[in-house]
C-alpha atoms as a PDB file:
ATOM      1  CA  MET A   1      63.959  75.843 118.329  1.00  0.00           C
ATOM      2  CA  TRP A   2      61.133  76.902 120.571  1.00  0.00           C
ATOM      3  CA  GLY A   3      63.143  76.485 123.436  1.00  0.00           C
ATOM      4  CA  THR A   4      65.628  78.399 122.322  1.00  0.00           C
ATOM      5  CA  VAL A   5      63.411  81.549 121.610  1.00  0.00           C
ATOM      6  CA  LEU A   6      61.526  80.944 125.264  1.00  0.00           C
ATOM      7  CA  ALA A   7      65.366  81.257 126.653  1.00  0.00           C
ATOM      8  CA  ALA A   8      66.297  84.020 125.200  1.00  0.00           C
ATOM      9  CA  GLY A   9      62.429  85.870 125.673  1.00  0.00           C
ATOM     10  CA  VAL A  10      62.760  84.813 129.742  1.00  0.00           C
ATOM     11  CA  GLY A  11      66.130  86.170 130.010  1.00  0.00           C
ATOM     12  CA  ALA A  12      65.597  89.501 128.419  1.00  0.00           C
ATOM     13  CA  ALA A  13      62.116  89.701 130.101  1.00  0.00           C
ATOM     14  CA  VAL A  14      63.186  89.127 133.514  1.00  0.00           C
ATOM     15  CA  ALA A  15      66.195  90.910 133.159  1.00  0.00           C
ATOM     16  CA  ARG A  16      64.509  94.087 132.075  1.00  0.00           C
ATOM     17  CA  GLY A  17      62.117  93.818 134.581  1.00  0.00           C
ATOM     18  CA  LEU A  18      63.992  93.526 137.527  1.00  0.00           C
ATOM     19  CA  TYR A  19      66.536  96.534 136.508  1.00  0.00           C
ATOM     20  CA  THR A  20      63.320  98.580 136.051  1.00  0.00           C
ATOM     21  CA  ALA A  21      62.162  97.319 139.583  1.00  0.00           C
ATOM     22  CA  LEU A  22      65.348  97.907 141.609  1.00  0.00           C
ATOM     23  CA  THR A  23      66.544 101.572 139.751  1.00  0.00           C
ATOM     24  CA  ASP A  24      62.741 102.925 139.897  1.00  0.00           C
ATOM     25  CA  ARG A  25      61.610 101.376 142.797  1.00  0.00           C
ATOM     26  CA  TRP A  26      64.305 100.784 145.115  1.00  0.00           C
ATOM     27  CA  GLY A  27      65.264 104.290 146.516  1.00  0.00           C
ATOM     28  CA  ALA A  28      68.063 105.288 148.974  1.00  0.00           C
ATOM     29  CA  GLY A  29      69.274 101.637 148.203  1.00  0.00           C
ATOM     30  CA  GLN A  30      70.627 102.242 145.189  1.00  0.00           C
ATOM     31  CA  ALA A  31      73.555 104.805 146.394  1.00  0.00           C
ATOM     32  CA  ARG A  32      75.655 101.981 147.211  1.00  0.00           C
ATOM     33  CA  TRP A  33      75.731 100.842 143.700  1.00  0.00           C
ATOM     34  CA  ASN A  34      76.210 104.203 141.924  1.00  0.00           C
ATOM     35  CA  ARG A  35      79.792 104.742 140.504  1.00  0.00           C
ATOM     36  CA  LEU A  36      81.757 106.836 137.967  1.00  0.00           C
ATOM     37  CA  ASN A  37      82.520 106.134 134.949  1.00  0.00           C
ATOM     38  CA  TYR A  38      85.271 107.079 132.340  1.00  0.00           C
ATOM     39  CA  ARG A  39      83.683 110.309 131.769  1.00  0.00           C
ATOM     40  CA  GLY A  40      83.553 110.867 135.031  1.00  0.00           C
ATOM     41  CA  GLU A  41      79.504 110.835 135.248  1.00  0.00           C
ATOM     42  CA  ARG A  42      77.530 108.863 137.919  1.00  0.00           C
ATOM     43  CA  VAL A  43      76.031 105.615 136.544  1.00  0.00           C
ATOM     44  CA  THR A  44      74.396 102.338 138.289  1.00  0.00           C
ATOM     45  CA  LEU A  45      75.820  98.864 138.742  1.00  0.00           C
ATOM     46  CA  LEU A  46      72.474  97.353 138.860  1.00  0.00           C
ATOM     47  CA  GLU A  47      72.401  96.471 135.370  1.00  0.00           C
ATOM     48  CA  GLY A  48      74.875  93.641 136.317  1.00  0.00           C
ATOM     49  CA  PRO A  49      72.940  91.864 138.965  1.00  0.00           C
ATOM     50  CA  ALA A  50      69.800  92.107 136.602  1.00  0.00           C
ATOM     51  CA  LEU A  51      71.272  90.600 133.624  1.00  0.00           C
ATOM     52  CA  ALA A  52      72.923  87.616 135.779  1.00  0.00           C
ATOM     53  CA  VAL A  53      69.309  86.893 136.973  1.00  0.00           C
ATOM     54  CA  GLY A  54      67.668  86.865 133.988  1.00  0.00           C
ATOM     55  CA  ALA A  55      70.149  84.955 132.032  1.00  0.00           C
ATOM     56  CA  CYS A  56      70.137  82.204 134.760  1.00  0.00           C
ATOM     57  CA  ALA A  57      66.280  82.409 134.718  1.00  0.00           C
ATOM     58  CA  GLY A  58      66.207  81.708 131.185  1.00  0.00           C
ATOM     59  CA  ALA A  59      68.367  79.002 131.002  1.00  0.00           C
ATOM     60  CA  ALA A  60      66.711  77.472 133.820  1.00  0.00           C
ATOM     61  CA  LEU A  61      63.441  77.334 132.272  1.00  0.00           C
ATOM     62  CA  ALA A  62      64.012  76.558 128.742  1.00  0.00           C
ATOM     63  CA  PRO A  63      61.905  73.597 128.049  1.00  0.00           C
ATOM     64  CA  GLY A  64      64.232  70.703 126.923  1.00  0.00           C
ATOM     65  CA  THR A  65      67.141  71.245 128.756  1.00  0.00           C
ATOM     66  CA  ARG A  66      68.512  68.600 130.496  1.00  0.00           C
ATOM     67  CA  PRO A  67      68.613  69.015 133.873  1.00  0.00           C
ATOM     68  CA  ALA A  68      72.444  68.991 134.282  1.00  0.00           C
ATOM     69  CA  LEU A  69      73.221  71.860 132.182  1.00  0.00           C
ATOM     70  CA  ARG A  70      70.301  73.472 133.803  1.00  0.00           C
ATOM     71  CA  GLY A  71      72.062  73.151 137.203  1.00  0.00           C
ATOM     72  CA  ALA A  72      75.573  74.134 135.558  1.00  0.00           C
ATOM     73  CA  ALA A  73      73.775  77.251 134.447  1.00  0.00           C
ATOM     74  CA  VAL A  74      72.587  78.498 137.629  1.00  0.00           C
ATOM     75  CA  LEU A  75      75.905  77.285 139.603  1.00  0.00           C
ATOM     76  CA  ALA A  76      78.054  78.826 137.153  1.00  0.00           C
ATOM     77  CA  GLY A  77      76.183  82.342 136.803  1.00  0.00           C
ATOM     78  CA  CYS A  78      74.775  82.917 140.197  1.00  0.00           C
ATOM     79  CA  GLY A  79      78.415  81.993 141.390  1.00  0.00           C
ATOM     80  CA  ALA A  80      80.293  84.511 139.497  1.00  0.00           C
ATOM     81  CA  ALA A  81      77.559  87.278 139.970  1.00  0.00           C
ATOM     82  CA  ALA A  82      77.846  86.588 143.856  1.00  0.00           C
ATOM     83  CA  PHE A  83      81.562  86.699 143.762  1.00  0.00           C
ATOM     84  CA  GLY A  84      81.552  89.877 141.483  1.00  0.00           C
ATOM     85  CA  ALA A  85      79.119  91.641 143.230  1.00  0.00           C
ATOM     86  CA  TYR A  86      81.269  91.317 146.301  1.00  0.00           C
ATOM     87  CA  ASP A  87      84.119  92.958 144.371  1.00  0.00           C
ATOM     88  CA  ASP A  88      81.652  95.684 143.571  1.00  0.00           C
ATOM     89  CA  LEU A  89      80.482  96.524 146.815  1.00  0.00           C
ATOM     90  CA  TYR A  90      83.418  96.175 148.817  1.00  0.00           C
ATOM     91  CA  GLY A  91      86.825  96.557 146.344  1.00  0.00           C
ATOM     92  CA  SER A  92      89.058  99.536 146.952  1.00  0.00           C
ATOM     93  CA  GLY A  93      90.809  98.907 143.219  1.00  0.00           C
ATOM     94  CA  ALA A  94      93.793  99.299 144.989  1.00  0.00           C
ATOM     95  CA  SER A  95      95.158  96.119 143.420  1.00  0.00           C
ATOM     96  CA  ARG A  96      93.953  95.493 139.841  1.00  0.00           C
ATOM     97  CA  GLY A  97      94.881  91.828 137.545  1.00  0.00           C
ATOM     98  CA  PHE A  98      96.071  88.480 138.594  1.00  0.00           C
ATOM     99  CA  ARG A  99      99.796  90.594 138.859  1.00  0.00           C
ATOM    100  CA  GLY A 100      98.184  93.028 141.475  1.00  0.00           C
ATOM    101  CA  HIS A 101      96.115  90.278 143.746  1.00  0.00           C
ATOM    102  CA  LEU A 102      99.112  87.744 143.475  1.00  0.00           C
ATOM    103  CA  GLY A 103     101.552  90.661 144.471  1.00  0.00           C
ATOM    104  CA  ALA A 104      99.014  91.647 147.653  1.00  0.00           C
ATOM    105  CA  LEU A 105      98.856  87.851 148.634  1.00  0.00           C
ATOM    106  CA  ALA A 106     102.755  87.710 148.888  1.00  0.00           C
ATOM    107  CA  ARG A 107     102.324  90.445 151.397  1.00  0.00           C
ATOM    108  CA  GLY A 108     100.305  88.982 153.209  1.00  0.00           C
ATOM    109  CA  ARG A 109      97.123  91.000 152.055  1.00  0.00           C
ATOM    110  CA  VAL A 110      93.894  89.159 150.808  1.00  0.00           C
ATOM    111  CA  THR A 111      92.138  91.424 148.244  1.00  0.00           C
ATOM    112  CA  THR A 112      88.702  91.320 147.337  1.00  0.00           C
ATOM    113  CA  GLY A 113      89.328  90.391 143.930  1.00  0.00           C
ATOM    114  CA  ALA A 114      91.628  87.525 145.127  1.00  0.00           C
ATOM    115  CA  VAL A 115      88.431  86.039 146.630  1.00  0.00           C
ATOM    116  CA  LYS A 116      86.587  86.390 143.814  1.00  0.00           C
ATOM    117  CA  VAL A 117      88.987  84.494 141.618  1.00  0.00           C
ATOM    118  CA  ALA A 118      88.847  82.080 144.045  1.00  0.00           C
ATOM    119  CA  GLY A 119      85.331  81.835 144.299  1.00  0.00           C
ATOM    120  CA  ILE A 120      84.654  82.329 140.709  1.00  0.00           C
ATOM    121  CA  GLY A 121      87.132  79.227 140.284  1.00  0.00           C
ATOM    122  CA  ALA A 122      85.212  77.014 142.700  1.00  0.00           C
ATOM    123  CA  SER A 123      81.638  78.063 141.264  1.00  0.00           C
ATOM    124  CA  GLY A 124      83.189  77.037 137.729  1.00  0.00           C
ATOM    125  CA  LEU A 125      84.472  73.663 138.947  1.00  0.00           C
ATOM    126  CA  ALA A 126      80.998  72.958 140.711  1.00  0.00           C
ATOM    127  CA  ALA A 127      79.022  73.926 137.482  1.00  0.00           C
ATOM    128  CA  ALA A 128      81.401  71.441 135.393  1.00  0.00           C
ATOM    129  CA  ALA A 129      81.225  68.823 137.643  1.00  0.00           C
ATOM    130  CA  THR A 130      77.650  68.949 137.552  1.00  0.00           C
ATOM    131  CA  LEU A 131      77.620  69.122 133.644  1.00  0.00           C
ATOM    132  CA  THR A 132      80.364  65.634 133.399  1.00  0.00           C
ATOM    133  CA  ARG A 133      81.727  62.959 135.599  1.00  0.00           C
ATOM    134  CA  ASP A 134      84.871  62.899 133.445  1.00  0.00           C
ATOM    135  CA  PRO A 135      87.816  64.472 135.419  1.00  0.00           C
ATOM    136  CA  VAL A 136      89.706  66.009 132.792  1.00  0.00           C
ATOM    137  CA  ASP A 137      86.505  67.460 131.170  1.00  0.00           C
ATOM    138  CA  VAL A 138      85.703  69.119 135.223  1.00  0.00           C
ATOM    139  CA  LEU A 139      89.187  70.770 134.764  1.00  0.00           C
ATOM    140  CA  VAL A 140      88.741  72.014 131.125  1.00  0.00           C
ATOM    141  CA  ASN A 141      85.053  73.053 131.453  1.00  0.00           C
ATOM    142  CA  GLY A 142      86.041  74.633 135.061  1.00  0.00           C
ATOM    143  CA  ALA A 143      88.747  76.650 133.677  1.00  0.00           C
ATOM    144  CA  LEU A 144      86.959  77.310 130.561  1.00  0.00           C
ATOM    145  CA  ILE A 145      83.932  78.723 132.641  1.00  0.00           C
ATOM    146  CA  ALA A 146      86.447  80.657 135.209  1.00  0.00           C
ATOM    147  CA  GLY A 147      88.340  82.163 132.821  1.00  0.00           C
ATOM    148  CA  GLY A 148      85.562  83.447 130.346  1.00  0.00           C
ATOM    149  CA  ALA A 149      84.205  85.166 133.489  1.00  0.00           C
ATOM    150  CA  ASN A 150      87.313  86.690 134.384  1.00  0.00           C
ATOM    151  CA  LEU A 151      88.096  87.651 130.338  1.00  0.00           C
ATOM    152  CA  LEU A 152      84.868  89.215 129.344  1.00  0.00           C
ATOM    153  CA  ASN A 153      85.234  91.406 132.590  1.00  0.00           C
ATOM    154  CA  LEU A 154      88.599  92.949 130.989  1.00  0.00           C
ATOM    155  CA  PHE A 155      86.441  94.551 128.440  1.00  0.00           C
ATOM    156  CA  ASP A 156      83.799  96.727 130.742  1.00  0.00           C
ATOM    157  CA  LEU A 157      85.753  99.326 130.183  1.00  0.00           C
ATOM    158  CA  ARG A 158      83.773 101.394 127.944  1.00  0.00           C
ATOM    159  CA  PRO A 159      79.685 101.610 127.157  1.00  0.00           C
ATOM    160  CA  GLY A 160      78.573  98.357 125.802  1.00  0.00           C
ATOM    161  CA  ARG A 161      81.776  96.906 124.945  1.00  0.00           C
ATOM    162  CA  ALA A 162      81.595  93.916 126.889  1.00  0.00           C
ATOM    163  CA  ALA A 163      78.181  93.613 125.751  1.00  0.00           C
ATOM    164  CA  LYS A 164      78.972  93.759 122.003  1.00  0.00           C
ATOM    165  CA  VAL A 165      81.793  91.111 122.994  1.00  0.00           C
ATOM    166  CA  ALA A 166      79.398  88.425 124.496  1.00  0.00           C
ATOM    167  CA  LEU A 167      76.990  89.005 121.899  1.00  0.00           C
ATOM    168  CA  LEU A 168      79.509  88.018 118.971  1.00  0.00           C
ATOM    169  CA  ALA A 169      81.165  85.882 120.783  1.00  0.00           C
ATOM    170  CA  GLY A 170      78.209  83.994 122.119  1.00  0.00           C
ATOM    171  CA  ALA A 171      76.270  83.632 118.471  1.00  0.00           C
ATOM    172  CA  SER A 172      77.858  80.886 117.363  1.00  0.00           C
ATOM    173  CA  ALA A 173      77.017  78.727 120.306  1.00  0.00           C
ATOM    174  CA  LEU A 174      72.957  78.895 118.939  1.00  0.00           C
ATOM    175  CA  ALA A 175      73.626  76.534 116.788  1.00  0.00           C
ATOM    176  CA  HIS A 176      74.770  73.767 119.038  1.00  0.00           C
ATOM    177  CA  PRO A 177      71.144  72.227 120.289  1.00  0.00           C
ATOM    178  CA  GLY A 178      73.236  71.377 123.881  1.00  0.00           C
ATOM    179  CA  ALA A 179      74.109  74.907 124.052  1.00  0.00           C
ATOM    180  CA  ALA A 180      71.397  77.003 122.999  1.00  0.00           C
ATOM    181  CA  PRO A 181      69.696  77.749 125.774  1.00  0.00           C
ATOM    182  CA  VAL A 182      72.244  78.910 128.082  1.00  0.00           C
ATOM    183  CA  ALA A 183      73.730  80.942 125.313  1.00  0.00           C
ATOM    184  CA  ALA A 184      69.951  82.386 124.267  1.00  0.00           C
ATOM    185  CA  ALA A 185      69.415  83.170 128.110  1.00  0.00           C
ATOM    186  CA  ALA A 186      72.707  85.273 128.450  1.00  0.00           C
ATOM    187  CA  LEU A 187      72.260  86.894 125.026  1.00  0.00           C
ATOM    188  CA  GLY A 188      68.415  87.837 125.553  1.00  0.00           C
ATOM    189  CA  ALA A 189      69.242  89.394 128.785  1.00  0.00           C
ATOM    190  CA  THR A 190      72.287  91.258 127.279  1.00  0.00           C
ATOM    191  CA  GLY A 191      70.278  92.673 124.399  1.00  0.00           C
ATOM    192  CA  ALA A 192      67.664  93.718 126.974  1.00  0.00           C
ATOM    193  CA  LEU A 193      69.691  95.848 129.030  1.00  0.00           C
ATOM    194  CA  LEU A 194      72.446  97.107 126.204  1.00  0.00           C
ATOM    195  CA  PRO A 195      70.723 100.321 125.500  1.00  0.00           C
ATOM    196  CA  GLU A 196      71.342 100.980 129.296  1.00  0.00           C
ATOM    197  CA  ASP A 197      74.409 100.097 128.493  1.00  0.00           C
ATOM    198  CA  LEU A 198      75.062 102.305 125.377  1.00  0.00           C
ATOM    199  CA  ARG A 199      73.617 105.509 126.986  1.00  0.00           C
ATOM    200  CA  GLU A 200      75.709 105.511 130.137  1.00  0.00           C
ATOM    201  CA  ARG A 201      72.699 105.107 132.427  1.00  0.00           C
ATOM    202  CA  ALA A 202      74.404 101.858 133.597  1.00  0.00           C
ATOM    203  CA  MET A 203      77.480  99.653 133.257  1.00  0.00           C
ATOM    204  CA  LEU A 204      77.995  96.221 134.111  1.00  0.00           C
ATOM    205  CA  GLY A 205      80.346  95.788 136.745  1.00  0.00           C
ATOM    206  CA  ASP A 206      82.224  92.532 138.075  1.00  0.00           C
ATOM    207  CA  ALA A 207      78.892  91.231 138.699  1.00  0.00           C
ATOM    208  CA  GLY A 208      77.384  91.383 135.294  1.00  0.00           C
ATOM    209  CA  ALA A 209      80.139  90.919 133.299  1.00  0.00           C
ATOM    210  CA  ASN A 210      81.565  87.903 135.195  1.00  0.00           C
ATOM    211  CA  ALA A 211      78.193  86.428 135.355  1.00  0.00           C
ATOM    212  CA  LEU A 212      77.652  86.829 131.448  1.00  0.00           C
ATOM    213  CA  GLY A 213      81.609  85.360 130.952  1.00  0.00           C
ATOM    214  CA  ALA A 214      81.007  82.525 132.734  1.00  0.00           C
ATOM    215  CA  LEU A 215      77.892  81.530 131.074  1.00  0.00           C
ATOM    216  CA  LEU A 216      79.286  81.698 127.441  1.00  0.00           C
ATOM    217  CA  GLY A 217      82.107  79.590 129.012  1.00  0.00           C
ATOM    218  CA  LEU A 218      79.591  77.197 130.109  1.00  0.00           C
ATOM    219  CA  ALA A 219      78.038  77.336 126.529  1.00  0.00           C
ATOM    220  CA  ALA A 220      81.383  76.605 124.945  1.00  0.00           C
ATOM    221  CA  ALA A 221      82.253  73.655 127.282  1.00  0.00           C
ATOM    222  CA  ALA A 222      78.301  72.199 126.523  1.00  0.00           C
ATOM    223  CA  ALA A 223      78.830  72.620 122.692  1.00  0.00           C
ATOM    224  CA  CYS A 224      82.171  71.667 121.952  1.00  0.00           C
ATOM    225  CA  PRO A 225      84.914  68.780 121.730  1.00  0.00           C
ATOM    226  CA  ARG A 226      87.543  68.490 124.200  1.00  0.00           C
ATOM    227  CA  ARG A 227      89.945  69.762 121.253  1.00  0.00           C
ATOM    228  CA  VAL A 228      88.367  72.645 120.547  1.00  0.00           C
ATOM    229  CA  ARG A 229      87.528  73.413 124.327  1.00  0.00           C
ATOM    230  CA  LEU A 230      91.634  73.274 124.566  1.00  0.00           C
ATOM    231  CA  GLY A 231      92.002  75.580 122.054  1.00  0.00           C
ATOM    232  CA  LEU A 232      89.498  78.410 123.190  1.00  0.00           C
ATOM    233  CA  LEU A 233      91.141  77.956 126.681  1.00  0.00           C
ATOM    234  CA  ALA A 234      94.456  78.910 125.426  1.00  0.00           C
ATOM    235  CA  GLY A 235      92.851  81.767 123.597  1.00  0.00           C
ATOM    236  CA  VAL A 236      91.041  83.047 126.947  1.00  0.00           C
ATOM    237  CA  ALA A 237      94.535  82.255 129.019  1.00  0.00           C
ATOM    238  CA  GLY A 238      96.517  83.999 126.059  1.00  0.00           C
ATOM    239  CA  LEU A 239      94.312  86.963 126.048  1.00  0.00           C
ATOM    240  CA  THR A 240      94.042  87.206 129.814  1.00  0.00           C
ATOM    241  CA  ALA A 241      97.634  87.238 130.185  1.00  0.00           C
ATOM    242  CA  ALA A 242      98.264  90.090 127.453  1.00  0.00           C
ATOM    243  CA  SER A 243      95.817  92.183 129.399  1.00  0.00           C
ATOM    244  CA  GLU A 244      98.249  92.347 132.095  1.00  0.00           C
ATOM    245  CA  TYR A 245     100.567  94.098 129.626  1.00  0.00           C
ATOM    246  CA  VAL A 246      98.846  95.365 126.612  1.00  0.00           C
ATOM    247  CA  SER A 247      95.401  97.825 126.994  1.00  0.00           C
ATOM    248  CA  PHE A 248      92.827  96.399 124.947  1.00  0.00           C
ATOM    249  CA  THR A 249      91.228  99.854 124.901  1.00  0.00           C
ATOM    250  CA  ARG A 250      94.730 101.232 123.020  1.00  0.00           C
ATOM    251  CA  VAL A 251      94.813  98.389 120.656  1.00  0.00           C
ATOM    252  CA  ILE A 252      90.936  99.029 119.953  1.00  0.00           C
ATOM    253  CA  ALA A 253      91.606 103.055 119.374  1.00  0.00           C
ATOM    254  CA  VAL A 254      94.409 102.317 116.876  1.00  0.00           C
ATOM    255  CA  THR A 255      92.425  99.350 114.729  1.00  0.00           C
ATOM    256  CA  PRO A 256      89.770 101.132 112.996  1.00  0.00           C
ATOM    257  CA  PRO A 257      87.193  98.023 112.580  1.00  0.00           C
ATOM    258  CA  LEU A 258      87.629  97.474 116.010  1.00  0.00           C
ATOM    259  CA  ARG A 259      87.335 101.170 116.972  1.00  0.00           C
ATOM    260  CA  ARG A 260      83.697 101.492 114.643  1.00  0.00           C
ATOM    261  CA  LEU A 261      82.514  98.703 116.353  1.00  0.00           C
ATOM    262  CA  ASP A 262      83.196  99.725 119.814  1.00  0.00           C
ATOM    263  CA  GLU A 263      81.577 103.211 119.237  1.00  0.00           C
ATOM    264  CA  TRP A 264      78.337 101.635 117.628  1.00  0.00           C
ATOM    265  CA  GLY A 265      75.634 102.995 119.499  1.00  0.00           C
ATOM    266  CA  CYS A 266      77.467 105.185 122.088  1.00  0.00           C
ATOM    267  CA  ARG A 267      77.870 108.707 122.693  1.00  0.00           C
ATOM    268  CA  PRO A 268      80.423 110.935 121.297  1.00  0.00           C
ATOM    269  CA  ALA A 269      84.029 110.409 122.745  1.00  0.00           C
ATOM    270  CA  PRO A 270      85.100 113.290 125.071  1.00  0.00           C
ATOM    271  CA  PRO A 271      88.055 115.153 123.951  1.00  0.00           C
ATOM    272  CA  ARG A 272      91.325 113.674 124.133  1.00  0.00           C
ATOM    273  CA  ARG A 273      93.056 114.796 127.188  1.00  0.00           C
ATOM    274  CA  ALA A 274      96.975 114.314 127.923  1.00  0.00           C
ATOM    275  CA  ALA A 275      96.523 111.475 130.243  1.00  0.00           C
ATOM    276  CA  GLU A 276      94.262 108.527 129.870  1.00  0.00           C
ATOM    277  CA  PRO A 277      91.302 108.437 131.846  1.00  0.00           C
ATOM    278  CA  ALA A 278      91.048 106.657 135.009  1.00  0.00           C
ATOM    279  CA  PRO A 279      89.316 103.357 134.923  1.00  0.00           C
ATOM    280  CA  LEU A 280      86.254 102.396 136.072  1.00  0.00           C
ATOM    281  CA  PRO A 281      86.125 101.761 139.810  1.00  0.00           C
ATOM    282  CA  GLN A 282      86.295  97.920 139.719  1.00  0.00           C
ATOM    283  CA  SER A 283      89.274  96.120 141.392  1.00  0.00           C
ATOM    284  CA  GLY A 284      88.697  92.670 139.010  1.00  0.00           C
END
């Protein structure tokens, strides 16, 4: 119990402290992390690295956590954050989604998004191999970690949306002693930076959303029996495939309970235009 509370506290404190240090004291170096959000207003992507470092620190420092889980959390979270940051900083946004990246590969062009997908897949497998030696479980857990990283990133299109999804999805893992420190650290870091996201000062970007999704995937891998993990993996794969054809934003907009949750804590939406606002400049 106290280990879980400490993991959440460390995650929140480190994430908040690092975000403040980066945004208040870095100076001109912040400019390359600035992007325009869906309103066309400038926000910073520095929320993402701060959240990833805070979540990994909380998971690694929580007392009572088995060493294998500590190592897996650092590999999954830091690996996803590093490859996500690479896509944040160097991605063009010309190719989006798996279809876009595969299409580019078929034409002989390697996109930053394709590098990110491969890198997160590799770090996910490395984290899974740290957690268990069973080859089937390594494959299932690695896919769940990488799939969670990609899926959560698909929700990072409106203020606070990905963070809310993570808080709801990760809450159940707090009841499982084997996964609670990882989930608590991730959720503590998320909660500490949620106000910045809701006020549209910052956004997770690929670095933050990928890291958060990977850690929640790891928490599920540590908490659930194989049958449940296979079911979760099927759900992640189904939602990811659906995102290639269906706009999550449109589905949320026409579903009142989802729309109310999506709008909770946010500034009023801008007036509707004839065309949907351009997506955030992410290549993931």
